[in-house]
N, C-alpha and C. Protein backbone atom coordinates (compact mmCIF):
# COMPACT_ATOMS: atom_id res chain seq x y z
N MET A 1 57.78 86.39 37.32
CA MET A 1 57.75 85.03 38.55
C MET A 1 57.22 84.20 38.11
N LYS A 2 55.51 84.46 37.75
CA LYS A 2 54.50 83.63 37.28
C LYS A 2 54.52 82.89 36.45
N ASN A 3 55.97 81.93 36.59
CA ASN A 3 56.11 80.72 35.24
C ASN A 3 56.07 79.77 35.79
N GLU A 4 55.65 78.09 34.79
CA GLU A 4 55.47 77.21 35.72
C GLU A 4 57.38 76.49 36.10
N ILE A 5 58.07 76.98 35.51
CA ILE A 5 59.43 76.95 35.96
C ILE A 5 59.92 77.49 37.84
N ASN A 6 58.88 78.07 38.23
CA ASN A 6 58.77 78.91 39.07
C ASN A 6 57.52 78.39 40.64
N ARG A 7 57.19 77.49 40.00
CA ARG A 7 55.85 76.77 40.81
C ARG A 7 56.37 76.34 41.94
N ILE A 8 55.91 76.67 43.23
CA ILE A 8 56.22 75.94 44.65
C ILE A 8 56.00 74.78 44.16
N ASP A 9 56.75 73.67 44.80
CA ASP A 9 56.60 72.51 44.82
C ASP A 9 55.08 72.12 46.20
N SER A 10 54.25 71.59 45.94
CA SER A 10 52.46 71.26 46.95
C SER A 10 53.23 70.76 47.96
N LYS A 11 54.40 70.30 48.15
CA LYS A 11 54.74 70.11 49.94
C LYS A 11 55.09 71.32 50.67
N TYR A 12 55.29 72.15 50.31
CA TYR A 12 55.80 73.46 50.90
C TYR A 12 54.51 74.50 51.23
N GLN A 13 53.38 73.98 50.74
CA GLN A 13 52.14 75.15 51.09
C GLN A 13 50.90 74.17 51.59
N SER A 14 50.52 74.54 52.04
CA SER A 14 49.70 74.50 53.37
C SER A 14 47.95 73.31 52.49
N SER A 15 47.91 73.66 51.01
CA SER A 15 46.76 73.37 50.68
C SER A 15 47.16 72.80 49.05
N ASP A 16 46.20 71.76 48.40
CA ASP A 16 46.47 71.50 47.19
C ASP A 16 45.59 72.78 46.37
N LYS A 17 45.01 73.59 46.84
CA LYS A 17 44.15 74.39 46.73
C LYS A 17 45.00 76.04 46.35
N ILE A 18 46.20 76.07 46.38
CA ILE A 18 47.26 76.69 46.42
C ILE A 18 47.92 77.07 45.23
N GLU A 19 48.03 78.08 44.56
CA GLU A 19 49.16 78.12 43.58
C GLU A 19 50.41 79.40 43.96
N GLY A 20 51.42 78.72 44.06
CA GLY A 20 52.70 79.18 44.10
C GLY A 20 53.74 79.70 43.53
N TYR A 21 54.63 80.84 43.38
CA TYR A 21 55.70 80.41 42.69
C TYR A 21 56.29 81.16 43.63
N VAL A 22 58.46 80.97 43.39
CA VAL A 22 58.82 81.47 44.19
C VAL A 22 60.42 81.91 43.12
N TYR A 23 60.56 82.83 43.93
CA TYR A 23 61.56 83.93 43.04
C TYR A 23 62.66 83.98 44.13
N ASP A 24 64.23 83.64 43.83
CA ASP A 24 65.12 83.60 44.53
C ASP A 24 66.46 84.78 44.37
N GLY A 25 66.94 85.36 45.41
CA GLY A 25 67.58 85.99 45.30
C GLY A 25 69.28 85.62 45.92
N ILE A 26 70.21 86.15 45.38
CA ILE A 26 71.62 86.21 45.29
C ILE A 26 72.02 85.80 46.84
N ASP A 27 70.71 86.14 47.63
CA ASP A 27 71.61 86.39 48.97
C ASP A 27 71.22 84.96 49.42
N GLY A 28 70.16 84.47 49.34
CA GLY A 28 69.60 82.99 49.55
C GLY A 28 68.05 83.32 50.72
N SER A 29 67.87 85.02 50.11
CA SER A 29 66.76 85.30 50.59
C SER A 29 65.35 84.65 49.00
N GLN A 30 63.87 84.74 49.54
CA GLN A 30 63.07 84.47 48.43
C GLN A 30 62.07 85.59 48.54
N ILE A 31 61.06 85.77 47.26
CA ILE A 31 60.39 85.99 47.13
C ILE A 31 59.10 85.56 46.61
N THR A 32 58.18 85.42 47.24
CA THR A 32 57.25 84.32 46.81
C THR A 32 55.49 85.02 46.43
N TYR A 33 55.09 84.12 45.25
CA TYR A 33 53.53 84.74 45.30
C TYR A 33 52.65 83.50 45.47
N TRP A 34 51.93 83.87 46.36
CA TRP A 34 50.76 82.96 46.16
C TRP A 34 49.43 83.18 46.42
N LYS A 35 48.30 82.33 45.49
CA LYS A 35 46.87 82.65 45.33
C LYS A 35 46.06 81.38 45.70
N CYS A 36 45.60 81.87 46.91
CA CYS A 36 44.61 80.69 47.48
C CYS A 36 43.17 80.48 46.89
N TYR A 37 42.91 79.43 46.14
CA TYR A 37 41.57 79.23 45.57
C TYR A 37 40.11 79.09 46.56
N ASP A 38 40.61 78.59 47.82
CA ASP A 38 39.65 78.21 48.46
C ASP A 38 40.09 78.80 49.83
N LYS A 39 39.11 78.90 51.29
CA LYS A 39 39.81 79.85 52.11
C LYS A 39 40.51 77.94 52.98
N GLY A 40 41.59 78.94 53.84
CA GLY A 40 42.34 77.54 54.65
C GLY A 40 42.76 77.37 55.85
N TYR A 41 43.72 76.90 55.89
CA TYR A 41 44.45 77.30 57.06
C TYR A 41 45.98 76.66 57.22
N SER A 42 47.03 77.36 57.57
CA SER A 42 48.59 76.96 57.64
C SER A 42 48.62 76.82 58.98
N PRO A 43 49.28 75.53 59.29
CA PRO A 43 49.46 75.12 60.64
C PRO A 43 50.65 75.98 61.30
N GLU A 44 50.50 76.31 62.30
CA GLU A 44 51.95 76.94 63.21
C GLU A 44 53.11 76.53 62.97
N HIS A 45 54.42 77.17 62.86
CA HIS A 45 55.40 77.22 61.96
C HIS A 45 56.33 78.20 62.81
N THR A 46 57.69 78.31 62.60
CA THR A 46 58.56 79.10 62.46
C THR A 46 59.61 79.35 61.90
N HIS A 47 60.13 80.45 61.23
CA HIS A 47 61.34 80.75 60.47
C HIS A 47 62.60 80.70 60.96
N GLU A 48 63.56 80.73 60.46
CA GLU A 48 64.92 81.31 61.18
C GLU A 48 65.44 82.25 60.14
N TYR A 49 64.34 83.24 59.87
CA TYR A 49 64.22 83.98 58.77
C TYR A 49 63.44 85.19 59.56
N ASP A 50 63.23 86.58 58.97
CA ASP A 50 62.38 87.17 59.15
C ASP A 50 61.91 87.25 57.87
N GLU A 51 60.12 87.57 57.84
CA GLU A 51 59.13 87.48 56.99
C GLU A 51 58.49 88.78 57.30
N TYR A 52 58.41 89.20 55.56
CA TYR A 52 57.67 90.42 55.23
C TYR A 52 56.29 89.80 54.29
N MET A 53 54.89 90.21 54.61
CA MET A 53 53.91 89.82 53.74
C MET A 53 52.96 91.30 53.55
N ILE A 54 52.55 91.30 52.04
CA ILE A 54 51.53 92.29 51.80
C ILE A 54 50.58 91.21 51.29
N VAL A 55 49.08 91.60 51.75
CA VAL A 55 47.66 91.31 50.96
C VAL A 55 47.61 91.56 49.59
N VAL A 56 47.71 91.23 48.62
CA VAL A 56 47.48 92.13 47.56
C VAL A 56 45.65 92.25 47.49
N GLN A 57 45.40 90.93 47.61
CA GLN A 57 43.59 90.61 47.46
C GLN A 57 43.14 89.63 48.82
N GLY A 58 42.26 89.75 49.11
CA GLY A 58 41.18 89.00 49.85
C GLY A 58 41.63 89.52 51.64
N LYS A 59 41.73 88.22 52.40
CA LYS A 59 42.33 88.63 53.53
C LYS A 59 43.13 87.51 54.30
N TYR A 60 43.87 87.83 55.33
CA TYR A 60 44.62 86.84 55.75
C TYR A 60 45.19 87.32 57.22
N THR A 61 44.55 85.93 58.33
CA THR A 61 44.51 86.17 59.53
C THR A 61 45.71 85.35 59.46
N ILE A 62 46.84 86.21 60.53
CA ILE A 62 47.99 85.41 61.51
C ILE A 62 47.79 85.25 62.79
N ILE A 63 48.36 83.98 63.37
CA ILE A 63 47.49 83.93 64.68
C ILE A 63 48.74 83.42 65.36
N ASN A 64 49.06 84.16 66.26
CA ASN A 64 50.28 83.99 67.40
C ASN A 64 49.59 83.77 68.71
N GLY A 65 49.32 82.33 69.23
CA GLY A 65 48.97 82.12 70.47
C GLY A 65 47.41 82.86 69.95
N ASN A 66 46.91 83.42 71.40
CA ASN A 66 45.55 84.29 71.69
C ASN A 66 45.25 84.93 71.04
N GLU A 67 46.33 85.94 69.86
CA GLU A 67 46.47 86.69 69.15
C GLU A 67 46.25 86.81 68.06
N ARG A 68 45.40 87.90 66.84
CA ARG A 68 44.59 87.57 65.84
C ARG A 68 44.74 88.60 65.10
N ILE A 69 46.25 89.13 63.91
CA ILE A 69 46.21 89.82 63.57
C ILE A 69 45.56 89.57 61.88
N GLU A 70 44.31 90.78 61.32
CA GLU A 70 43.63 90.14 60.18
C GLU A 70 44.51 91.16 59.18
N VAL A 71 45.20 90.97 58.19
CA VAL A 71 45.88 91.81 57.28
C VAL A 71 45.12 91.76 56.35
N ASN A 72 44.15 92.67 55.70
CA ASN A 72 43.48 92.99 54.59
C ASN A 72 44.58 93.29 53.48
N ALA A 73 43.67 93.60 52.04
CA ALA A 73 44.32 94.11 50.48
C ALA A 73 44.55 95.15 51.48
N GLY A 74 46.30 95.64 50.63
CA GLY A 74 46.62 96.36 50.83
C GLY A 74 47.58 96.84 52.09
N GLU A 75 47.39 95.62 52.69
CA GLU A 75 48.35 96.11 54.40
C GLU A 75 48.95 95.00 54.12
N GLU A 76 50.16 95.02 55.04
CA GLU A 76 51.28 94.32 55.21
C GLU A 76 51.45 94.38 56.51
N VAL A 77 52.65 93.38 56.96
CA VAL A 77 53.36 92.54 58.21
C VAL A 77 54.55 92.10 58.57
N ILE A 78 55.46 92.52 59.18
CA ILE A 78 56.80 91.65 59.67
C ILE A 78 56.48 91.13 60.32
N ILE A 79 56.68 89.28 59.96
CA ILE A 79 57.09 88.35 61.41
C ILE A 79 58.19 88.25 61.67
N PRO A 80 58.90 88.75 62.88
CA PRO A 80 60.38 88.53 63.25
C PRO A 80 60.53 87.01 62.86
N LYS A 81 61.99 86.79 62.79
CA LYS A 81 62.42 85.50 62.61
C LYS A 81 62.03 84.87 64.32
N THR A 82 61.64 83.36 63.89
CA THR A 82 61.52 81.99 65.32
C THR A 82 60.09 83.07 66.02
N VAL A 83 59.11 83.52 65.17
CA VAL A 83 58.08 83.91 66.27
C VAL A 83 57.21 82.35 65.78
N PRO A 84 56.52 81.97 66.66
CA PRO A 84 55.32 80.54 66.13
C PRO A 84 54.39 81.66 65.80
N HIS A 85 53.79 81.28 64.44
CA HIS A 85 52.64 81.65 63.67
C HIS A 85 51.75 80.65 62.81
N ALA A 86 50.46 81.10 62.82
CA ALA A 86 49.69 80.56 62.19
C ALA A 86 49.37 80.88 61.29
N GLY A 87 48.22 80.36 60.50
CA GLY A 87 47.55 81.77 59.42
C GLY A 87 45.73 81.00 58.86
N GLU A 88 45.05 81.96 59.04
CA GLU A 88 44.06 81.19 58.03
C GLU A 88 44.00 82.49 57.01
N TYR A 89 43.32 82.26 55.77
CA TYR A 89 42.36 82.90 54.63
C TYR A 89 41.49 82.42 53.98
N ILE A 90 41.22 83.70 53.41
CA ILE A 90 39.57 83.52 52.75
C ILE A 90 40.16 83.10 51.31
N GLU A 91 39.19 82.70 50.85
CA GLU A 91 38.82 82.55 49.25
C GLU A 91 39.29 83.48 48.44
N ASN A 92 40.12 83.03 47.32
CA ASN A 92 40.85 83.99 46.36
C ASN A 92 41.81 84.97 47.18
N THR A 93 42.35 84.94 48.42
CA THR A 93 43.25 85.67 48.56
C THR A 93 44.46 85.67 48.09
N ARG A 94 45.51 86.56 47.92
CA ARG A 94 46.95 86.65 46.57
C ARG A 94 47.32 87.24 47.97
N THR A 95 48.68 86.38 47.85
CA THR A 95 49.78 87.85 49.06
C THR A 95 51.28 87.49 48.48
N ILE A 96 52.09 88.23 48.93
CA ILE A 96 53.39 88.34 48.13
C ILE A 96 54.49 88.39 49.81
N HIS A 97 55.25 87.84 49.81
CA HIS A 97 56.28 87.28 50.95
C HIS A 97 57.51 87.73 50.61
N ALA A 98 58.40 88.20 51.36
CA ALA A 98 59.62 87.83 50.94
C ALA A 98 60.48 87.44 52.20
N PHE A 99 61.39 86.41 52.24
CA PHE A 99 61.64 85.94 53.18
C PHE A 99 63.42 86.34 53.65
N GLY A 100 63.76 85.94 54.54
CA GLY A 100 65.59 86.32 54.28
C GLY A 100 66.17 84.81 53.98
N GLY A 101 65.51 84.03 54.16
CA GLY A 101 66.00 82.87 53.68
C GLY A 101 65.17 82.11 52.88
N LYS A 102 65.69 80.88 52.71
CA LYS A 102 64.74 79.76 51.79
C LYS A 102 63.71 79.41 52.47
N ARG A 103 62.76 79.69 51.84
CA ARG A 103 61.08 78.97 52.67
C ARG A 103 60.81 77.55 51.39
N ALA A 104 61.02 77.73 50.34
CA ALA A 104 60.09 76.65 49.06
C ALA A 104 61.22 76.43 48.14
N ASN A 105 60.41 75.56 48.02
CA ASN A 105 61.35 74.72 46.71
C ASN A 105 61.01 74.75 45.23
N ARG A 106 60.65 74.66 44.25
CA ARG A 106 60.02 74.45 43.23
C ARG A 106 59.88 72.98 42.91
N LYS A 107 58.69 73.30 41.92
CA LYS A 107 58.43 71.80 41.42
C LYS A 107 59.36 71.08 40.74
N ILE A 108 59.21 69.91 40.36
CA ILE A 108 60.49 69.19 39.70
C ILE A 108 59.79 69.30 38.38
N ILE A 109 59.88 69.37 37.07
CA ILE A 109 59.60 69.78 36.12
C ILE A 109 59.80 68.70 35.21
N GLU A 110 58.90 67.77 35.13
CA GLU A 110 59.66 66.52 34.54
C GLU A 110 59.23 66.53 32.89
N ASN A 111 60.35 65.88 32.35
CA ASN A 111 60.38 66.03 30.44
C ASN A 111 59.72 64.96 29.73
């Protein structure tokens, strides 16, 4: 999955200090891998599909209104579709996400 042809286009990421890759399922679902090289923030958004996330390294804090849910390395969370959420992550956080729909597009590779 971590191959240049699977690199996520930067406009589908909250920062240019994130490296992301995507795999497309035959049913329209996606799995993504992200590495955050610096601390950052993902603005509030929703999806029309469920999201499953596991933190491989570091920490990701999900923000839902006034609720903050810390997800540490080895922990997982499911975010149901249409639930507004934002996030904060620390430097060197790595996450894997499974989305029930299309979340990201690949970067166009120019020859």
